[in-house]
């Protein structure tokens, strides 16, 4: 089978990159069905753990009604919990807020 270089567009940054004949042969030999979607720079950024942008959605907690943000888009019919309600549901203790040192001081007996 004959392959020739093709120009593709990166779905992350929009830059054009070349999908070489050798890369196409490799994809064919490995029986990969999809073409690459990311340029080499964006792929390298993903591999070394570049920050992914998660959609933050503002919503109200289904249990206590407090306004909260969640890192996903809520779907109909599924409850959305704030951090404290979620941790209670998981059975994990909530982190205790730090208290000022002077409020912990024990008064000296007179």
C-alpha atoms as a PDB file:
ATOM      1  CA  UNK A   1       0.000   0.000   0.000  1.00  0.00           C
ATOM      2  CA  UNK A   2       1.345   3.438  -0.957  1.00  0.00           C
ATOM      3  CA  UNK A   3       1.265   6.321   1.553  1.00  0.00           C
ATOM      4  CA  UNK A   4       2.006  10.001   1.052  1.00  0.00           C
ATOM      5  CA  UNK A   5       2.449  12.846   3.545  1.00  0.00           C
ATOM      6  CA  UNK A   6      -0.814  14.484   4.616  1.00  0.00           C
ATOM      7  CA  UNK A   7      -1.464  17.756   6.422  1.00  0.00           C
ATOM      8  CA  UNK A   8      -3.789  17.481   9.445  1.00  0.00           C
ATOM      9  CA  UNK A   9      -5.090  20.069  11.921  1.00  0.00           C
ATOM     10  CA  UNK A  10      -4.459  19.758  15.682  1.00  0.00           C
ATOM     11  CA  UNK A  11      -7.714  19.647  17.662  1.00  0.00           C
ATOM     12  CA  UNK A  12      -6.059  21.378  20.673  1.00  0.00           C
ATOM     13  CA  UNK A  13      -4.168  24.345  19.220  1.00  0.00           C
ATOM     14  CA  UNK A  14      -5.488  24.402  15.637  1.00  0.00           C
ATOM     15  CA  UNK A  15      -1.999  24.263  14.097  1.00  0.00           C
ATOM     16  CA  UNK A  16      -1.404  22.225  10.977  1.00  0.00           C
ATOM     17  CA  UNK A  17       1.011  19.291  11.205  1.00  0.00           C
ATOM     18  CA  UNK A  18       2.292  16.674   8.778  1.00  0.00           C
ATOM     19  CA  UNK A  19       1.155  13.058   9.124  1.00  0.00           C
ATOM     20  CA  UNK A  20       4.120  11.496   7.325  1.00  0.00           C
ATOM     21  CA  UNK A  21       4.021   8.443   5.093  1.00  0.00           C
ATOM     22  CA  UNK A  22       6.166   6.584   7.640  1.00  0.00           C
ATOM     23  CA  UNK A  23       3.741   7.414  10.450  1.00  0.00           C
ATOM     24  CA  UNK A  24       0.842   6.283   8.270  1.00  0.00           C
ATOM     25  CA  UNK A  25       2.632   2.987   7.587  1.00  0.00           C
ATOM     26  CA  UNK A  26       3.180   2.549  11.348  1.00  0.00           C
ATOM     27  CA  UNK A  27      -0.525   3.250  12.016  1.00  0.00           C
ATOM     28  CA  UNK A  28      -1.479   0.770   9.276  1.00  0.00           C
ATOM     29  CA  UNK A  29       0.864  -1.944  10.635  1.00  0.00           C
ATOM     30  CA  UNK A  30      -0.529  -1.488  14.161  1.00  0.00           C
ATOM     31  CA  UNK A  31      -4.073  -1.514  12.726  1.00  0.00           C
ATOM     32  CA  UNK A  32      -4.900   1.871  14.260  1.00  0.00           C
ATOM     33  CA  UNK A  33      -8.230   3.062  12.882  1.00  0.00           C
ATOM     34  CA  UNK A  34      -8.034   6.792  13.741  1.00  0.00           C
ATOM     35  CA  UNK A  35      -5.636   9.434  12.490  1.00  0.00           C
ATOM     36  CA  UNK A  36      -3.655  11.459  15.052  1.00  0.00           C
ATOM     37  CA  UNK A  37      -5.603  14.423  16.417  1.00  0.00           C
ATOM     38  CA  UNK A  38      -2.764  16.300  18.167  1.00  0.00           C
ATOM     39  CA  UNK A  39       0.448  17.871  16.883  1.00  0.00           C
ATOM     40  CA  UNK A  40       3.750  16.739  18.446  1.00  0.00           C
ATOM     41  CA  UNK A  41       3.918  19.753  20.791  1.00  0.00           C
ATOM     42  CA  UNK A  42       0.395  19.244  22.161  1.00  0.00           C
ATOM     43  CA  UNK A  43       0.943  15.491  22.464  1.00  0.00           C
ATOM     44  CA  UNK A  44       4.166  16.100  24.426  1.00  0.00           C
ATOM     45  CA  UNK A  45       2.334  18.571  26.675  1.00  0.00           C
ATOM     46  CA  UNK A  46      -0.359  15.957  27.401  1.00  0.00           C
ATOM     47  CA  UNK A  47       2.235  13.265  28.141  1.00  0.00           C
ATOM     48  CA  UNK A  48       4.162  15.360  30.659  1.00  0.00           C
ATOM     49  CA  UNK A  49       0.941  16.275  32.416  1.00  0.00           C
ATOM     50  CA  UNK A  50       0.011  19.653  31.029  1.00  0.00           C
ATOM     51  CA  UNK A  51      -2.977  21.068  32.835  1.00  0.00           C
ATOM     52  CA  UNK A  52      -6.252  20.056  31.312  1.00  0.00           C
ATOM     53  CA  UNK A  53      -9.017  22.578  31.390  1.00  0.00           C
ATOM     54  CA  UNK A  54     -12.052  21.154  33.113  1.00  0.00           C
ATOM     55  CA  UNK A  55     -15.405  22.815  32.705  1.00  0.00           C
ATOM     56  CA  UNK A  56     -16.442  24.263  36.065  1.00  0.00           C
ATOM     57  CA  UNK A  57     -20.219  24.351  36.395  1.00  0.00           C
ATOM     58  CA  UNK A  58     -22.051  26.333  39.087  1.00  0.00           C
ATOM     59  CA  UNK A  59     -24.962  24.428  40.592  1.00  0.00           C
ATOM     60  CA  UNK A  60     -26.818  23.853  43.872  1.00  0.00           C
ATOM     61  CA  UNK A  61     -26.209  20.854  46.125  1.00  0.00           C
ATOM     62  CA  UNK A  62     -29.077  18.349  45.888  1.00  0.00           C
ATOM     63  CA  UNK A  63     -28.798  17.559  49.600  1.00  0.00           C
ATOM     64  CA  UNK A  64     -28.246  20.872  51.456  1.00  0.00           C
ATOM     65  CA  UNK A  65     -29.056  23.401  48.704  1.00  0.00           C
ATOM     66  CA  UNK A  66     -25.736  25.277  49.011  1.00  0.00           C
ATOM     67  CA  UNK A  67     -24.294  26.826  45.848  1.00  0.00           C
ATOM     68  CA  UNK A  68     -21.215  24.917  44.664  1.00  0.00           C
ATOM     69  CA  UNK A  69     -19.048  24.334  41.597  1.00  0.00           C
ATOM     70  CA  UNK A  70     -18.390  20.918  40.094  1.00  0.00           C
ATOM     71  CA  UNK A  71     -15.795  19.841  37.483  1.00  0.00           C
ATOM     72  CA  UNK A  72     -18.401  18.309  35.153  1.00  0.00           C
ATOM     73  CA  UNK A  73     -21.723  19.094  33.513  1.00  0.00           C
ATOM     74  CA  UNK A  74     -24.515  17.650  35.674  1.00  0.00           C
ATOM     75  CA  UNK A  75     -27.002  15.362  33.922  1.00  0.00           C
ATOM     76  CA  UNK A  76     -30.743  15.270  34.532  1.00  0.00           C
ATOM     77  CA  UNK A  77     -31.957  12.953  37.240  1.00  0.00           C
ATOM     78  CA  UNK A  78     -28.600  12.526  39.010  1.00  0.00           C
ATOM     79  CA  UNK A  79     -27.942  14.259  42.346  1.00  0.00           C
ATOM     80  CA  UNK A  80     -25.074  16.759  42.599  1.00  0.00           C
ATOM     81  CA  UNK A  81     -23.441  17.121  45.999  1.00  0.00           C
ATOM     82  CA  UNK A  82     -21.211  19.827  47.450  1.00  0.00           C
ATOM     83  CA  UNK A  83     -17.850  18.760  48.896  1.00  0.00           C
ATOM     84  CA  UNK A  84     -19.063  18.351  52.488  1.00  0.00           C
ATOM     85  CA  UNK A  85     -22.205  16.379  51.543  1.00  0.00           C
ATOM     86  CA  UNK A  86     -20.152  14.214  49.181  1.00  0.00           C
ATOM     87  CA  UNK A  87     -17.613  13.446  51.918  1.00  0.00           C
ATOM     88  CA  UNK A  88     -20.441  12.616  54.362  1.00  0.00           C
ATOM     89  CA  UNK A  89     -21.955  10.267  51.780  1.00  0.00           C
ATOM     90  CA  UNK A  90     -18.560   8.596  51.308  1.00  0.00           C
ATOM     91  CA  UNK A  91     -18.144   8.222  55.071  1.00  0.00           C
ATOM     92  CA  UNK A  92     -14.995  10.358  55.161  1.00  0.00           C
ATOM     93  CA  UNK A  93     -14.442  12.845  57.953  1.00  0.00           C
ATOM     94  CA  UNK A  94     -14.562  16.493  56.967  1.00  0.00           C
ATOM     95  CA  UNK A  95     -11.393  18.523  57.392  1.00  0.00           C
ATOM     96  CA  UNK A  96     -11.494  20.597  60.560  1.00  0.00           C
ATOM     97  CA  UNK A  97     -11.035  24.339  59.945  1.00  0.00           C
ATOM     98  CA  UNK A  98      -7.975  25.838  61.601  1.00  0.00           C
ATOM     99  CA  UNK A  99      -8.697  27.671  64.852  1.00  0.00           C
ATOM    100  CA  UNK A 100      -6.749  30.720  65.984  1.00  0.00           C
ATOM    101  CA  UNK A 101      -4.035  29.855  68.546  1.00  0.00           C
ATOM    102  CA  UNK A 102      -5.338  32.357  71.145  1.00  0.00           C
ATOM    103  CA  UNK A 103      -8.726  30.634  71.227  1.00  0.00           C
ATOM    104  CA  UNK A 104      -6.966  27.392  72.184  1.00  0.00           C
ATOM    105  CA  UNK A 105      -5.153  28.953  75.134  1.00  0.00           C
ATOM    106  CA  UNK A 106      -6.272  27.515  78.472  1.00  0.00           C
ATOM    107  CA  UNK A 107      -6.805  30.178  81.130  1.00  0.00           C
ATOM    108  CA  UNK A 108      -4.467  30.014  84.148  1.00  0.00           C
ATOM    109  CA  UNK A 109      -6.244  29.103  87.408  1.00  0.00           C
ATOM    110  CA  UNK A 110      -6.335  32.071  89.816  1.00  0.00           C
END
